[in-house]
C-alpha atoms as a PDB file:
ATOM      1  CA  MET A   1      11.319  87.516  70.746  1.00  0.00           C
ATOM      2  CA  ALA A   2      10.134  86.099  67.443  1.00  0.00           C
ATOM      3  CA  GLU A   3       6.507  84.999  67.698  1.00  0.00           C
ATOM      4  CA  HIS A   4       4.351  82.954  65.348  1.00  0.00           C
ATOM      5  CA  GLY A   5       0.730  81.844  65.481  1.00  0.00           C
ATOM      6  CA  ALA A   6      -0.725  78.571  64.269  1.00  0.00           C
ATOM      7  CA  PRO A   7      -3.869  78.245  62.215  1.00  0.00           C
ATOM      8  CA  GLY A   8      -6.949  77.074  64.057  1.00  0.00           C
ATOM      9  CA  GLY A   9      -8.203  78.104  67.418  1.00  0.00           C
ATOM     10  CA  GLY A  10     -11.839  77.475  66.546  1.00  0.00           C
ATOM     11  CA  PRO A  11     -14.791  78.377  68.768  1.00  0.00           C
ATOM     12  CA  GLY A  12     -13.907  77.976  72.422  1.00  0.00           C
ATOM     13  CA  ARG A  13     -10.269  77.221  71.617  1.00  0.00           C
ATOM     14  CA  GLU A  14      -7.189  79.356  72.109  1.00  0.00           C
ATOM     15  CA  GLN A  15      -4.965  79.695  69.033  1.00  0.00           C
ATOM     16  CA  LEU A  16      -1.439  78.384  69.578  1.00  0.00           C
ATOM     17  CA  ARG A  17       1.291  81.023  69.784  1.00  0.00           C
ATOM     18  CA  VAL A  18       4.985  80.203  69.837  1.00  0.00           C
ATOM     19  CA  GLY A  19       7.786  82.651  70.578  1.00  0.00           C
ATOM     20  CA  VAL A  20      11.530  82.040  70.640  1.00  0.00           C
ATOM     21  CA  ASP A  21      14.063  83.849  72.837  1.00  0.00           C
ATOM     22  CA  VAL A  22      17.812  83.291  72.875  1.00  0.00           C
ATOM     23  CA  VAL A  23      19.419  83.841  76.281  1.00  0.00           C
ATOM     24  CA  ASP A  24      23.199  83.675  75.846  1.00  0.00           C
ATOM     25  CA  ARG A  25      23.399  80.447  73.820  1.00  0.00           C
ATOM     26  CA  GLU A  26      20.362  78.843  75.431  1.00  0.00           C
ATOM     27  CA  VAL A  27      17.022  78.845  73.638  1.00  0.00           C
ATOM     28  CA  VAL A  28      13.639  79.389  75.302  1.00  0.00           C
ATOM     29  CA  VAL A  29      10.557  78.460  73.276  1.00  0.00           C
ATOM     30  CA  ARG A  30       7.472  80.052  74.875  1.00  0.00           C
ATOM     31  CA  VAL A  31       4.190  78.346  74.059  1.00  0.00           C
ATOM     32  CA  ALA A  32       0.694  79.717  74.699  1.00  0.00           C
ATOM     33  CA  GLY A  33      -2.801  78.592  73.756  1.00  0.00           C
ATOM     34  CA  ASP A  34      -4.015  75.075  72.952  1.00  0.00           C
ATOM     35  CA  VAL A  35      -1.637  72.276  71.978  1.00  0.00           C
ATOM     36  CA  ASP A  36      -3.797  69.718  70.219  1.00  0.00           C
ATOM     37  CA  LEU A  37      -3.764  67.542  67.103  1.00  0.00           C
ATOM     38  CA  GLU A  38      -4.384  70.559  64.874  1.00  0.00           C
ATOM     39  CA  SER A  39      -1.662  72.795  66.327  1.00  0.00           C
ATOM     40  CA  ALA A  40       1.010  70.223  67.243  1.00  0.00           C
ATOM     41  CA  THR A  41       2.615  70.394  63.792  1.00  0.00           C
ATOM     42  CA  HIS A  42       3.256  74.112  64.249  1.00  0.00           C
ATOM     43  CA  LEU A  43       4.818  73.483  67.659  1.00  0.00           C
ATOM     44  CA  GLU A  44       6.940  70.652  66.290  1.00  0.00           C
ATOM     45  CA  GLN A  45       8.240  72.879  63.493  1.00  0.00           C
ATOM     46  CA  ALA A  46       9.219  75.656  65.927  1.00  0.00           C
ATOM     47  CA  LEU A  47      10.949  73.205  68.266  1.00  0.00           C
ATOM     48  CA  THR A  48      12.793  71.504  65.401  1.00  0.00           C
ATOM     49  CA  GLU A  49      14.076  74.854  64.124  1.00  0.00           C
ATOM     50  CA  SER A  50      15.214  75.769  67.637  1.00  0.00           C
ATOM     51  CA  ALA A  51      16.935  72.407  68.144  1.00  0.00           C
ATOM     52  CA  GLU A  52      18.830  72.820  64.872  1.00  0.00           C
ATOM     53  CA  ARG A  53      20.805  75.629  66.557  1.00  0.00           C
ATOM     54  CA  ILE A  54      22.196  72.901  68.858  1.00  0.00           C
ATOM     55  CA  PRO A  55      21.956  75.018  72.005  1.00  0.00           C
ATOM     56  CA  PRO A  56      23.376  73.569  75.225  1.00  0.00           C
ATOM     57  CA  VAL A  57      19.885  73.936  76.771  1.00  0.00           C
ATOM     58  CA  LEU A  58      16.515  74.144  75.033  1.00  0.00           C
ATOM     59  CA  VAL A  59      13.699  75.224  77.348  1.00  0.00           C
ATOM     60  CA  VAL A  60      10.088  74.589  76.310  1.00  0.00           C
ATOM     61  CA  ASP A  61       7.986  76.985  78.398  1.00  0.00           C
ATOM     62  CA  LEU A  62       4.419  75.673  78.609  1.00  0.00           C
ATOM     63  CA  THR A  63       3.210  78.095  81.300  1.00  0.00           C
ATOM     64  CA  GLY A  64       0.914  79.851  78.811  1.00  0.00           C
ATOM     65  CA  VAL A  65      -0.736  76.654  77.567  1.00  0.00           C
ATOM     66  CA  GLU A  66      -4.496  76.329  78.136  1.00  0.00           C
ATOM     67  CA  TYR A  67      -4.911  72.764  76.828  1.00  0.00           C
ATOM     68  CA  PHE A  68      -2.198  70.107  76.383  1.00  0.00           C
ATOM     69  CA  GLY A  69      -3.192  66.964  74.504  1.00  0.00           C
ATOM     70  CA  SER A  70      -1.426  63.756  73.558  1.00  0.00           C
ATOM     71  CA  ALA A  71      -0.173  65.300  70.311  1.00  0.00           C
ATOM     72  CA  GLY A  72       1.818  67.801  72.369  1.00  0.00           C
ATOM     73  CA  MET A  73       3.293  65.030  74.482  1.00  0.00           C
ATOM     74  CA  ARG A  74       4.353  63.217  71.310  1.00  0.00           C
ATOM     75  CA  VAL A  75       6.117  66.392  70.133  1.00  0.00           C
ATOM     76  CA  LEU A  76       8.053  66.711  73.418  1.00  0.00           C
ATOM     77  CA  VAL A  77       9.190  63.077  73.370  1.00  0.00           C
ATOM     78  CA  GLY A  78      10.254  63.427  69.730  1.00  0.00           C
ATOM     79  CA  LEU A  79      12.209  66.573  70.551  1.00  0.00           C
ATOM     80  CA  GLN A  80      14.065  64.856  73.374  1.00  0.00           C
ATOM     81  CA  GLN A  81      14.924  61.925  71.109  1.00  0.00           C
ATOM     82  CA  ARG A  82      16.143  64.232  68.301  1.00  0.00           C
ATOM     83  CA  CYS A  83      18.318  66.283  70.635  1.00  0.00           C
ATOM     84  CA  GLY A  84      19.962  63.271  72.261  1.00  0.00           C
ATOM     85  CA  ASP A  85      23.050  64.202  74.259  1.00  0.00           C
ATOM     86  CA  ALA A  86      23.801  67.341  72.209  1.00  0.00           C
ATOM     87  CA  THR A  87      21.135  69.512  73.882  1.00  0.00           C
ATOM     88  CA  ARG A  88      19.517  69.258  77.308  1.00  0.00           C
ATOM     89  CA  VAL A  89      15.757  69.655  76.859  1.00  0.00           C
ATOM     90  CA  ARG A  90      13.886  71.134  79.820  1.00  0.00           C
ATOM     91  CA  VAL A  91      10.127  71.554  79.998  1.00  0.00           C
ATOM     92  CA  VAL A  92       8.561  74.274  82.154  1.00  0.00           C
ATOM     93  CA  ALA A  93       5.152  73.319  83.498  1.00  0.00           C
ATOM     94  CA  SER A  94       3.508  74.248  86.766  1.00  0.00           C
ATOM     95  CA  ASP A  95      -0.188  74.458  85.855  1.00  0.00           C
ATOM     96  CA  GLN A  96      -2.181  71.241  86.347  1.00  0.00           C
ATOM     97  CA  ARG A  97      -3.636  71.535  82.826  1.00  0.00           C
ATOM     98  CA  VAL A  98      -0.179  70.635  81.511  1.00  0.00           C
ATOM     99  CA  LEU A  99       1.545  68.998  84.456  1.00  0.00           C
ATOM    100  CA  ARG A 100      -1.203  66.461  85.198  1.00  0.00           C
ATOM    101  CA  PRO A 101      -1.193  64.832  81.712  1.00  0.00           C
ATOM    102  CA  LEU A 102       2.620  64.619  81.901  1.00  0.00           C
ATOM    103  CA  GLU A 103       2.379  62.967  85.334  1.00  0.00           C
ATOM    104  CA  ILE A 104      -0.391  60.529  84.365  1.00  0.00           C
ATOM    105  CA  THR A 105       1.535  59.310  81.318  1.00  0.00           C
ATOM    106  CA  GLY A 106       4.801  58.988  83.234  1.00  0.00           C
ATOM    107  CA  LEU A 107       6.525  61.613  81.111  1.00  0.00           C
ATOM    108  CA  THR A 108       7.704  63.493  84.203  1.00  0.00           C
ATOM    109  CA  GLU A 109      10.041  60.511  84.677  1.00  0.00           C
ATOM    110  CA  VAL A 110      11.357  60.830  81.107  1.00  0.00           C
ATOM    111  CA  LEU A 111      11.387  64.599  80.582  1.00  0.00           C
ATOM    112  CA  ASP A 112      13.249  67.141  82.711  1.00  0.00           C
ATOM    113  CA  VAL A 113      10.272  69.163  84.017  1.00  0.00           C
ATOM    114  CA  ARG A 114      10.889  72.371  86.000  1.00  0.00           C
ATOM    115  CA  PRO A 115       8.400  74.819  87.586  1.00  0.00           C
ATOM    116  CA  THR A 116       9.951  78.038  86.185  1.00  0.00           C
ATOM    117  CA  VAL A 117      12.017  79.241  83.258  1.00  0.00           C
ATOM    118  CA  ALA A 118      14.607  80.656  85.662  1.00  0.00           C
ATOM    119  CA  GLU A 119      15.101  77.240  87.242  1.00  0.00           C
ATOM    120  CA  ALA A 120      15.252  75.563  83.839  1.00  0.00           C
ATOM    121  CA  LEU A 121      17.958  77.956  82.673  1.00  0.00           C
ATOM    122  CA  HIS A 122      20.058  77.971  85.833  1.00  0.00           C
ATOM    123  CA  SER A 123      20.216  74.361  86.929  1.00  0.00           C
END
């Protein structure tokens, strides 16, 4: 797995880490740390590079995320729009720190959210 860290992660904040795995032709982007205004650009870059491979499925695994702000939600919506019909985007979120903001904003109705990577890959 290729892994990259984002700048930031000031006092009391967890630096964003992004890793990419390729499973067959499907891509899993594993995200850990805080997704906020400062780190969202790094996440967007990693997701854009992964989407450029045009995989049949692109899984964004947010199970390691400690904080998920509106900038992260913007990145996910942008990714889905960029991928269109070429790639199915699936978001993995089971922790309330990530799932609750997605639910409150109605994004669970727009994004394909799954509780595990295994389910995201095999459904």
